[in-house]
N, C-alpha and C. Protein backbone atom coordinates (compact mmCIF):
# COMPACT_ATOMS: atom_id res chain seq x y z
N MET A 1 15.55 -15.07 -14.41
CA MET A 1 15.14 -13.44 -14.34
C MET A 1 15.00 -12.64 -13.06
N ALA A 2 14.58 -13.67 -12.06
CA ALA A 2 14.30 -12.67 -10.77
C ALA A 2 15.85 -11.81 -10.49
N SER A 3 16.88 -12.31 -10.92
CA SER A 3 17.31 -11.37 -10.44
C SER A 3 18.06 -10.22 -11.64
N LEU A 4 17.55 -10.72 -13.06
CA LEU A 4 18.79 -10.03 -14.10
C LEU A 4 16.81 -8.26 -13.37
N ALA A 5 16.03 -8.86 -13.52
CA ALA A 5 14.57 -7.73 -13.01
C ALA A 5 15.41 -6.44 -11.47
N GLY A 6 15.85 -7.48 -11.04
CA GLY A 6 16.38 -6.50 -9.83
C GLY A 6 18.07 -5.62 -9.86
N LEU A 7 18.64 -6.68 -11.02
CA LEU A 7 19.44 -5.68 -11.42
C LEU A 7 19.14 -4.54 -12.50
N VAL A 8 18.49 -4.61 -13.09
CA VAL A 8 18.22 -3.79 -13.61
C VAL A 8 17.14 -2.29 -13.04
N VAL A 9 16.84 -2.82 -12.38
CA VAL A 9 15.51 -1.55 -11.19
C VAL A 9 16.93 -0.74 -10.84
N ALA A 10 17.84 -1.47 -10.57
CA ALA A 10 18.36 -1.34 -9.62
C ALA A 10 20.21 -0.78 -10.31
N THR A 11 19.88 -0.51 -11.26
CA THR A 11 21.14 -0.31 -12.06
C THR A 11 20.26 1.43 -12.87
N ARG A 12 19.10 1.59 -12.65
CA ARG A 12 18.31 2.53 -12.82
C ARG A 12 18.25 3.40 -12.12
N ALA A 13 18.56 3.17 -10.35
CA ALA A 13 18.39 3.73 -9.42
C ALA A 13 19.49 4.81 -8.97
N LEU A 14 20.53 3.49 -9.64
CA LEU A 14 22.39 4.31 -9.08
C LEU A 14 23.45 5.02 -9.98
N GLY A 15 22.59 4.09 -11.85
CA GLY A 15 22.96 4.81 -12.66
C GLY A 15 23.80 3.75 -13.13
N VAL A 16 24.54 3.77 -14.53
CA VAL A 16 25.11 2.75 -15.21
C VAL A 16 26.69 2.58 -14.63
N ALA A 17 27.45 3.62 -13.98
CA ALA A 17 28.49 4.13 -13.70
C ALA A 17 28.61 3.01 -11.90
N TRP A 18 27.68 2.44 -11.38
CA TRP A 18 27.58 1.35 -10.51
C TRP A 18 28.12 0.28 -10.52
N TRP A 19 28.01 -0.02 -11.98
CA TRP A 19 28.92 -1.56 -12.03
C TRP A 19 30.36 -1.38 -11.78
N THR A 20 30.90 0.06 -12.11
CA THR A 20 32.53 0.29 -12.34
C THR A 20 33.11 0.70 -10.99
N LEU A 21 32.45 0.97 -10.02
CA LEU A 21 32.31 1.58 -9.10
C LEU A 21 33.42 0.67 -8.11
N PRO A 22 34.57 0.99 -7.08
CA PRO A 22 34.08 -0.27 -6.01
C PRO A 22 33.57 -0.43 -5.42
N ARG A 23 33.62 -0.93 -4.56
CA ARG A 23 32.05 -1.32 -3.97
C ARG A 23 32.63 -1.69 -2.37
N GLN A 24 31.82 -1.77 -0.79
CA GLN A 24 32.27 -2.91 0.13
C GLN A 24 30.45 -3.01 0.34
N ASN A 25 30.81 -4.19 0.75
CA ASN A 25 30.37 -4.80 1.39
C ASN A 25 29.21 -4.86 2.87
N PHE A 26 28.28 -4.63 3.72
CA PHE A 26 28.08 -5.06 5.24
C PHE A 26 28.03 -6.24 5.78
N SER A 27 29.28 -7.46 6.07
CA SER A 27 28.87 -8.56 6.19
C SER A 27 27.97 -8.62 7.86
N ALA A 28 27.53 -10.00 8.00
CA ALA A 28 26.64 -10.46 8.97
C ALA A 28 26.96 -10.17 9.90
N ALA A 29 28.55 -9.82 10.33
CA ALA A 29 29.15 -9.67 11.09
C ALA A 29 29.64 -8.05 11.28
N GLY A 30 29.05 -7.00 10.86
CA GLY A 30 28.58 -5.72 11.51
C GLY A 30 30.52 -5.37 10.55
N GLU A 31 30.78 -6.31 9.82
CA GLU A 31 32.10 -5.25 9.09
C GLU A 31 32.08 -4.59 8.20
N TRP A 32 32.13 -4.08 7.37
CA TRP A 32 32.54 -3.69 5.96
C TRP A 32 33.65 -4.07 5.65
N THR A 33 33.20 -4.99 4.45
CA THR A 33 34.70 -5.61 3.63
C THR A 33 34.84 -4.83 1.98
N THR A 34 36.09 -4.97 1.73
CA THR A 34 36.09 -4.99 0.36
C THR A 34 35.72 -6.00 -1.23
N CYS A 35 35.10 -5.55 -2.14
CA CYS A 35 33.99 -6.41 -2.81
C CYS A 35 34.98 -5.98 -4.51
N PRO A 36 35.04 -6.94 -4.73
CA PRO A 36 35.39 -6.57 -6.73
C PRO A 36 34.23 -5.42 -7.02
N ARG A 37 34.60 -5.17 -8.41
CA ARG A 37 34.03 -3.83 -9.06
C ARG A 37 32.66 -5.17 -9.83
N PRO A 38 31.26 -4.88 -9.91
CA PRO A 38 30.04 -5.67 -10.11
C PRO A 38 30.72 -5.67 -11.61
N ASP A 39 31.55 -4.68 -12.37
CA ASP A 39 31.97 -5.74 -13.83
C ASP A 39 32.36 -6.75 -13.60
N GLU A 40 33.59 -6.28 -12.67
CA GLU A 40 34.29 -7.61 -12.50
C GLU A 40 33.92 -8.40 -12.52
N VAL A 41 33.26 -8.18 -11.34
CA VAL A 41 32.45 -9.94 -11.11
C VAL A 41 32.11 -10.59 -12.15
N LEU A 42 30.71 -9.74 -12.96
CA LEU A 42 30.61 -10.66 -13.86
C LEU A 42 31.46 -10.08 -15.46
N ALA A 43 32.18 -9.96 -15.22
CA ALA A 43 33.54 -10.38 -16.39
C ALA A 43 33.89 -11.28 -16.30
N THR A 44 33.78 -11.79 -15.03
CA THR A 44 34.79 -13.23 -14.77
C THR A 44 33.57 -14.27 -14.18
N CYS A 45 32.17 -14.04 -13.74
CA CYS A 45 31.57 -15.17 -13.38
C CYS A 45 32.26 -15.74 -11.89
N VAL A 46 33.31 -14.91 -11.35
CA VAL A 46 33.09 -15.17 -10.35
C VAL A 46 33.15 -14.15 -9.04
N ASP A 47 32.53 -15.12 -8.58
CA ASP A 47 31.51 -14.28 -6.85
C ASP A 47 33.20 -14.20 -5.49
N GLU A 48 34.32 -13.48 -5.77
CA GLU A 48 34.92 -14.20 -4.80
C GLU A 48 35.18 -13.99 -3.26
N THR A 49 33.37 -13.21 -2.70
CA THR A 49 32.85 -12.59 -1.28
C THR A 49 33.10 -14.13 -0.91
N GLY A 50 32.95 -16.01 -1.54
CA GLY A 50 32.56 -16.85 -1.16
C GLY A 50 30.53 -16.83 -0.49
N ARG A 51 30.64 -16.45 -0.87
CA ARG A 51 28.93 -17.23 -0.75
C ARG A 51 28.70 -18.11 -2.04
N SER A 52 28.76 -18.95 -1.59
CA SER A 52 28.19 -19.63 -2.80
C SER A 52 26.64 -20.25 -2.90
N HIS A 53 26.08 -19.67 -2.11
CA HIS A 53 24.32 -20.56 -2.09
C HIS A 53 23.79 -19.32 -2.97
N THR A 54 24.85 -18.75 -3.56
CA THR A 54 23.24 -17.38 -4.66
C THR A 54 24.54 -18.04 -6.30
N SER A 55 24.41 -17.02 -7.19
CA SER A 55 25.13 -17.51 -8.46
C SER A 55 25.36 -15.79 -8.59
N VAL A 56 25.67 -15.97 -9.53
CA VAL A 56 27.17 -14.19 -9.02
C VAL A 56 25.89 -13.64 -9.95
N LEU A 57 24.57 -13.27 -11.12
CA LEU A 57 23.93 -12.49 -11.23
C LEU A 57 23.01 -12.20 -10.17
N GLU A 58 22.61 -13.10 -9.40
CA GLU A 58 21.82 -13.35 -7.80
C GLU A 58 22.74 -12.12 -7.10
N ARG A 59 23.88 -12.28 -7.16
CA ARG A 59 24.98 -11.31 -6.16
C ARG A 59 24.77 -10.97 -6.28
N LEU A 60 25.00 -9.98 -8.08
CA LEU A 60 25.16 -8.71 -8.26
C LEU A 60 23.49 -7.84 -7.84
N CYS A 61 22.65 -8.42 -7.86
CA CYS A 61 21.29 -8.35 -7.70
C CYS A 61 21.32 -8.23 -6.31
N LEU A 62 21.55 -8.64 -5.35
CA LEU A 62 22.13 -8.45 -3.92
C LEU A 62 22.52 -7.30 -3.95
N TRP A 63 23.83 -7.27 -4.16
CA TRP A 63 25.29 -5.80 -4.14
C TRP A 63 24.29 -4.75 -4.83
N GLY A 64 23.17 -5.04 -5.64
CA GLY A 64 22.19 -3.84 -6.43
C GLY A 64 21.48 -3.50 -5.70
N ALA A 65 20.70 -4.07 -4.34
CA ALA A 65 19.47 -3.91 -3.34
C ALA A 65 20.06 -3.06 -2.15
N ASP A 66 21.06 -3.59 -1.92
CA ASP A 66 21.89 -3.27 -1.04
C ASP A 66 21.86 -2.09 -0.87
N ASP A 67 22.89 -1.61 -2.21
CA ASP A 67 23.39 -0.40 -2.43
C ASP A 67 22.09 0.89 -2.43
N VAL A 68 21.18 0.78 -3.37
CA VAL A 68 20.04 0.97 -3.45
C VAL A 68 19.17 1.52 -1.91
N ALA A 69 19.73 0.00 -1.32
CA ALA A 69 18.74 1.00 0.45
C ALA A 69 19.65 2.02 1.16
N ASP A 70 21.22 1.74 0.81
CA ASP A 70 22.05 3.16 1.55
C ASP A 70 21.99 4.07 0.83
N LEU A 71 21.65 4.11 0.15
CA LEU A 71 21.48 5.21 -0.80
C LEU A 71 19.69 6.52 -0.56
N ILE A 72 18.73 5.78 0.06
CA ILE A 72 17.52 6.00 0.31
C ILE A 72 17.85 6.05 1.59
N TRP A 73 18.00 5.43 2.91
CA TRP A 73 17.95 4.57 3.81
C TRP A 73 19.67 5.17 4.81
N GLY A 74 20.93 5.65 4.24
CA GLY A 74 22.14 5.61 4.61
C GLY A 74 22.26 3.89 4.92
N ARG A 75 23.72 3.81 5.44
CA ARG A 75 24.34 3.27 5.83
C ARG A 75 24.21 2.43 6.41
N PRO A 76 23.80 1.20 7.03
CA PRO A 76 23.29 0.28 8.32
C PRO A 76 24.44 0.30 9.93
N PHE A 77 24.35 0.34 10.21
CA PHE A 77 24.76 1.09 11.42
C PHE A 77 24.87 -1.05 12.15
N ASP A 78 24.27 -1.83 11.73
CA ASP A 78 24.55 -3.42 12.39
C ASP A 78 23.88 -3.92 11.54
N PHE A 79 23.77 -5.18 11.89
CA PHE A 79 23.03 -6.38 11.19
C PHE A 79 22.48 -6.89 11.94
N VAL A 80 21.13 -7.61 12.12
CA VAL A 80 20.10 -7.59 13.24
C VAL A 80 19.11 -9.21 12.38
N ASP A 81 18.82 -10.04 12.98
CA ASP A 81 18.01 -10.93 12.65
C ASP A 81 17.23 -11.49 12.90
N LEU A 82 15.85 -10.89 12.31
CA LEU A 82 15.04 -10.92 12.48
C LEU A 82 14.14 -12.14 12.91
N ASN A 83 14.70 -13.83 12.80
CA ASN A 83 14.32 -14.85 12.96
C ASN A 83 14.52 -15.11 14.07
N SER A 84 14.18 -14.24 14.92
CA SER A 84 14.63 -13.79 16.73
C SER A 84 12.83 -13.05 16.57
N ILE A 85 12.78 -13.57 17.89
CA ILE A 85 11.14 -13.16 18.91
C ILE A 85 11.44 -11.37 19.31
N ASP A 86 13.26 -12.04 20.40
CA ASP A 86 13.38 -10.87 20.75
C ASP A 86 13.76 -9.76 20.29
N PRO A 87 13.01 -8.62 20.36
CA PRO A 87 13.23 -7.26 19.74
C PRO A 87 13.72 -6.56 20.87
N ILE A 88 14.25 -7.11 21.71
CA ILE A 88 15.33 -5.96 22.75
C ILE A 88 16.44 -6.08 23.01
N ASP A 89 17.18 -4.99 22.53
CA ASP A 89 18.74 -5.16 22.75
C ASP A 89 19.59 -6.42 22.49
N ARG A 90 18.95 -5.70 20.75
CA ARG A 90 19.89 -7.34 19.99
C ARG A 90 21.51 -6.07 20.09
N ILE A 91 21.98 -5.65 19.67
CA ILE A 91 23.08 -5.30 19.18
C ILE A 91 23.33 -4.05 20.04
N VAL A 92 25.34 -3.88 20.19
CA VAL A 92 25.72 -3.17 21.27
C VAL A 92 25.95 -1.76 20.66
N LEU A 93 25.15 -0.41 21.27
CA LEU A 93 25.07 0.27 21.06
C LEU A 93 26.45 0.77 20.55
N PRO A 94 26.37 2.32 20.16
CA PRO A 94 27.71 3.03 19.48
C PRO A 94 27.78 4.12 20.91
N ALA A 95 29.70 4.76 20.85
CA ALA A 95 29.47 5.51 21.86
C ALA A 95 29.18 6.46 21.20
N GLY A 96 28.37 7.54 22.62
CA GLY A 96 27.61 8.16 22.08
C GLY A 96 26.29 8.43 21.77
N ALA A 97 25.60 6.83 21.71
CA ALA A 97 24.50 7.04 21.85
C ALA A 97 23.25 7.85 22.47
N ARG A 98 22.47 8.38 22.40
CA ARG A 98 21.74 8.15 23.66
C ARG A 98 19.74 8.47 22.99
N VAL A 99 19.32 8.44 24.28
CA VAL A 99 17.60 8.28 24.12
C VAL A 99 17.32 8.71 23.45
N GLY A 100 16.14 7.61 22.21
CA GLY A 100 15.73 8.86 21.17
C GLY A 100 15.76 8.02 19.93
N ASP A 101 17.63 7.84 19.84
CA ASP A 101 18.15 7.84 18.83
C ASP A 101 17.17 6.00 17.80
N CYS A 102 17.93 6.70 16.36
CA CYS A 102 17.17 6.28 15.43
C CYS A 102 18.09 5.52 15.04
N LEU A 103 18.56 4.35 15.51
CA LEU A 103 19.44 3.57 14.06
C LEU A 103 18.91 2.99 13.21
N VAL A 104 19.36 2.72 11.62
CA VAL A 104 19.06 1.44 10.69
C VAL A 104 20.44 0.86 11.32
N THR A 105 19.71 -0.51 10.80
CA THR A 105 19.89 -1.61 10.86
C THR A 105 20.02 -2.98 9.07
N SER A 106 20.05 -3.96 9.21
CA SER A 106 20.03 -4.32 8.47
C SER A 106 19.68 -6.08 8.61
N PHE A 107 18.54 -6.21 7.80
CA PHE A 107 18.47 -7.63 7.90
C PHE A 107 18.53 -9.24 6.83
N ASP A 108 18.54 -7.85 5.78
CA ASP A 108 18.60 -9.31 4.12
C ASP A 108 19.31 -7.73 3.47
N PRO A 109 19.96 -8.48 2.01
CA PRO A 109 20.29 -7.73 1.61
C PRO A 109 19.38 -6.33 1.44
N GLY A 110 19.20 -5.38 0.95
CA GLY A 110 18.36 -4.40 0.53
C GLY A 110 17.26 -4.56 1.29
N SER A 111 16.98 -4.40 2.87
CA SER A 111 15.98 -4.42 3.76
C SER A 111 16.92 -3.75 4.88
N ARG A 112 15.93 -3.29 5.30
CA ARG A 112 16.27 -2.65 6.61
C ARG A 112 15.41 -2.56 7.75
N VAL A 113 15.97 -2.12 8.77
CA VAL A 113 14.90 -2.07 10.28
C VAL A 113 15.65 -1.30 11.41
N ASP A 114 14.49 0.15 11.68
CA ASP A 114 15.20 0.88 12.86
C ASP A 114 15.11 0.23 13.97
N LEU A 115 16.57 0.04 14.71
CA LEU A 115 16.23 0.50 16.39
C LEU A 115 16.76 1.76 17.22
N VAL A 116 15.70 2.13 18.20
CA VAL A 116 15.35 2.43 17.87
C VAL A 116 15.80 2.14 20.08
N VAL A 117 17.26 4.02 20.43
CA VAL A 117 17.86 3.54 21.50
C VAL A 117 17.13 3.98 22.44
N VAL A 118 16.81 3.62 23.88
CA VAL A 118 15.77 3.56 24.84
C VAL A 118 16.81 3.70 26.33
N GLU A 119 16.23 4.19 27.02
CA GLU A 119 16.36 3.73 28.72
C GLU A 119 16.48 2.66 29.49
N ARG A 120 15.94 1.77 30.46
CA ARG A 120 16.48 1.15 31.20
C ARG A 120 17.46 1.06 32.31
N GLY A 121 15.72 1.91 32.88
CA GLY A 121 16.90 2.11 34.20
C GLY A 121 17.64 3.38 34.44
N ARG A 122 19.35 2.58 34.39
CA ARG A 122 20.52 3.59 34.60
C ARG A 122 20.77 3.41 32.59
N VAL A 123 21.40 2.18 32.37
CA VAL A 123 21.70 1.69 31.10
C VAL A 123 20.69 2.12 29.82
N LEU A 124 21.54 1.90 28.75
CA LEU A 124 20.23 2.64 27.83
C LEU A 124 20.36 1.52 27.23
N GLY A 125 19.23 0.59 26.58
CA GLY A 125 18.61 -0.09 25.63
C GLY A 125 18.69 -0.38 24.32
N SER A 126 18.22 -1.04 23.55
CA SER A 126 17.89 -0.78 21.96
C SER A 126 16.04 -1.51 21.97
N GLU A 127 15.82 -1.10 21.47
CA GLU A 127 14.57 -1.90 20.91
C GLU A 127 14.44 -1.32 18.99
N LEU A 128 14.09 -3.34 18.43
CA LEU A 128 13.66 -2.83 17.41
C LEU A 128 12.29 -1.96 17.37
N ASP A 129 11.66 -1.26 15.73
CA ASP A 129 10.69 -1.06 15.95
C ASP A 129 10.24 -1.63 14.63
N MET A 130 10.16 -2.51 14.56
CA MET A 130 8.63 -3.49 13.43
C MET A 130 8.44 -2.77 12.82
N SER A 131 8.12 -1.38 12.83
CA SER A 131 6.88 -1.07 12.12
C SER A 131 7.45 0.00 10.91
N THR A 132 9.13 -0.05 11.31
CA THR A 132 9.94 0.80 9.50
C THR A 132 10.60 -0.36 9.19
N VAL A 133 9.98 -1.94 8.88
CA VAL A 133 10.50 -2.34 8.64
C VAL A 133 10.21 -2.05 6.68
N ARG A 134 11.69 -2.41 5.49
CA ARG A 134 11.30 -2.05 4.53
C ARG A 134 12.44 -1.82 3.77
N HIS A 135 12.40 -2.71 2.50
CA HIS A 135 12.33 -3.28 1.59
C HIS A 135 13.20 -1.83 0.21
N SER A 136 14.36 -2.03 -0.14
CA SER A 136 14.96 -0.84 -1.51
C SER A 136 13.26 -2.05 -3.05
N PRO A 137 13.60 -0.75 -3.59
CA PRO A 137 13.17 -1.43 -4.98
C PRO A 137 13.57 -2.94 -5.71
N PRO A 138 15.15 -3.08 -5.45
CA PRO A 138 15.44 -3.80 -6.32
C PRO A 138 15.06 -5.04 -6.00
N SER A 139 15.52 -5.05 -4.34
CA SER A 139 14.66 -6.41 -2.95
C SER A 139 13.62 -6.57 -3.57
N GLU A 140 12.47 -5.79 -4.44
CA GLU A 140 11.14 -6.11 -3.48
C GLU A 140 11.06 -6.75 -5.17
N THR A 141 11.99 -5.44 -6.07
CA THR A 141 11.76 -6.62 -7.33
C THR A 141 12.05 -8.34 -6.89
N TRP A 142 13.19 -8.13 -6.81
CA TRP A 142 14.12 -9.59 -7.41
C TRP A 142 12.68 -10.46 -6.05
N TRP A 143 12.68 -10.26 -5.30
CA TRP A 143 11.63 -10.89 -4.32
C TRP A 143 10.11 -11.51 -5.60
N GLY A 144 9.18 -10.16 -6.06
CA GLY A 144 8.30 -10.13 -6.42
C GLY A 144 9.38 -11.15 -7.57
N TRP A 145 9.25 -11.41 -8.81
CA TRP A 145 9.72 -12.17 -9.85
C TRP A 145 10.40 -13.06 -9.27
N ALA A 146 10.96 -13.72 -8.43
CA ALA A 146 11.69 -14.60 -7.77
C ALA A 146 10.12 -15.76 -7.34
N THR A 147 9.24 -14.84 -7.07
CA THR A 147 7.93 -15.91 -5.65
C THR A 147 7.75 -16.08 -7.36
N VAL A 148 7.11 -15.22 -7.97
CA VAL A 148 5.79 -16.16 -9.30
C VAL A 148 6.74 -17.04 -9.96
N MET A 149 8.00 -16.55 -10.14
CA MET A 149 9.05 -17.86 -11.00
C MET A 149 9.27 -18.93 -10.39
N GLU A 150 9.18 -19.24 -8.90
CA GLU A 150 9.67 -20.48 -8.30
C GLU A 150 7.55 -20.51 -8.25
N ALA A 151 6.44 -19.96 -8.26
CA ALA A 151 5.47 -21.06 -8.01
C ALA A 151 4.75 -20.96 -9.45
N ARG A 152 4.96 -21.07 -10.77
CA ARG A 152 5.37 -21.35 -12.46
C ARG A 152 5.05 -22.87 -12.22
N PRO A 153 3.90 -23.32 -12.88
CA PRO A 153 4.27 -24.80 -12.98
C PRO A 153 4.99 -24.78 -13.99
N SER A 154 6.05 -25.99 -13.85
CA SER A 154 7.22 -26.72 -15.08
C SER A 154 6.33 -27.58 -16.02
N GLY A 155 5.17 -28.12 -15.57
CA GLY A 155 4.21 -28.82 -17.71
C GLY A 155 3.34 -27.92 -17.34
N PRO A 156 3.06 -28.40 -18.54
CA PRO A 156 1.39 -27.82 -19.43
C PRO A 156 0.40 -27.26 -18.14
N LEU A 157 -0.87 -26.72 -18.15
CA LEU A 157 -1.67 -26.15 -17.37
C LEU A 157 -2.85 -26.46 -17.49
N THR A 158 -3.35 -26.95 -16.12
CA THR A 158 -4.89 -27.74 -16.35
C THR A 158 -5.54 -27.90 -16.35
N MET A 159 -7.18 -27.25 -16.59
CA MET A 159 -7.92 -26.30 -15.62
C MET A 159 -8.85 -26.99 -15.34
N GLY A 160 -8.65 -28.46 -14.97
CA GLY A 160 -9.31 -29.70 -14.17
C GLY A 160 -9.53 -31.22 -14.58
N VAL A 161 -9.62 -32.31 -13.81
CA VAL A 161 -9.67 -33.37 -14.34
C VAL A 161 -9.91 -33.72 -15.48
N GLU A 162 -11.25 -32.92 -16.28
CA GLU A 162 -11.61 -33.83 -17.35
C GLU A 162 -10.54 -32.74 -18.43
N ASP A 163 -9.92 -32.02 -18.28
CA ASP A 163 -9.14 -31.70 -18.87
C ASP A 163 -7.56 -32.09 -19.73
N ASP A 164 -7.36 -33.42 -17.84
CA ASP A 164 -5.86 -33.23 -17.74
C ASP A 164 -6.02 -35.17 -18.40
N PRO A 165 -5.34 -35.73 -20.43
CA PRO A 165 -5.38 -36.40 -20.38
C PRO A 165 -4.53 -37.62 -20.13
N GLY A 166 -3.93 -37.19 -18.34
CA GLY A 166 -3.27 -38.37 -17.83
C GLY A 166 -4.60 -39.44 -16.87
N LEU A 167 -5.61 -38.62 -17.44
CA LEU A 167 -6.74 -39.64 -16.01
C LEU A 167 -7.43 -40.35 -17.15
């Protein structure tokens, strides 16, 4: 249900043509790789990206979330792991980077955080600006539905001990 809801939001933002367009995926290694078109993945039910931990529908939802984030904030320059507590010098800066430059980085599908170029003595460094963490609408939708569906009890709801026929 969460993936379907996220796909609806992504399709509304990107247009129906998104399903038939070639696309690229930004890998955790910071490389753009060519992926099959979304309609091909849906028709074959094969996700050739090698991500076996997600269903095909979830993978398409995450692609849509990333593509909407790219549309809103531009393509990410790099990928950062927000599980690390150190916000300093997390990436190799691009040639031509200047103090004050703000680089968009990805940390989850459809999620972005800015990295600011700073001066450290005579060399350039970078700092994550955690106040800029943001998520695309499909990503927010997917997360919200996934949270609600996971929290939903699988059995009958009881209002208290006196209502529970098992006690």
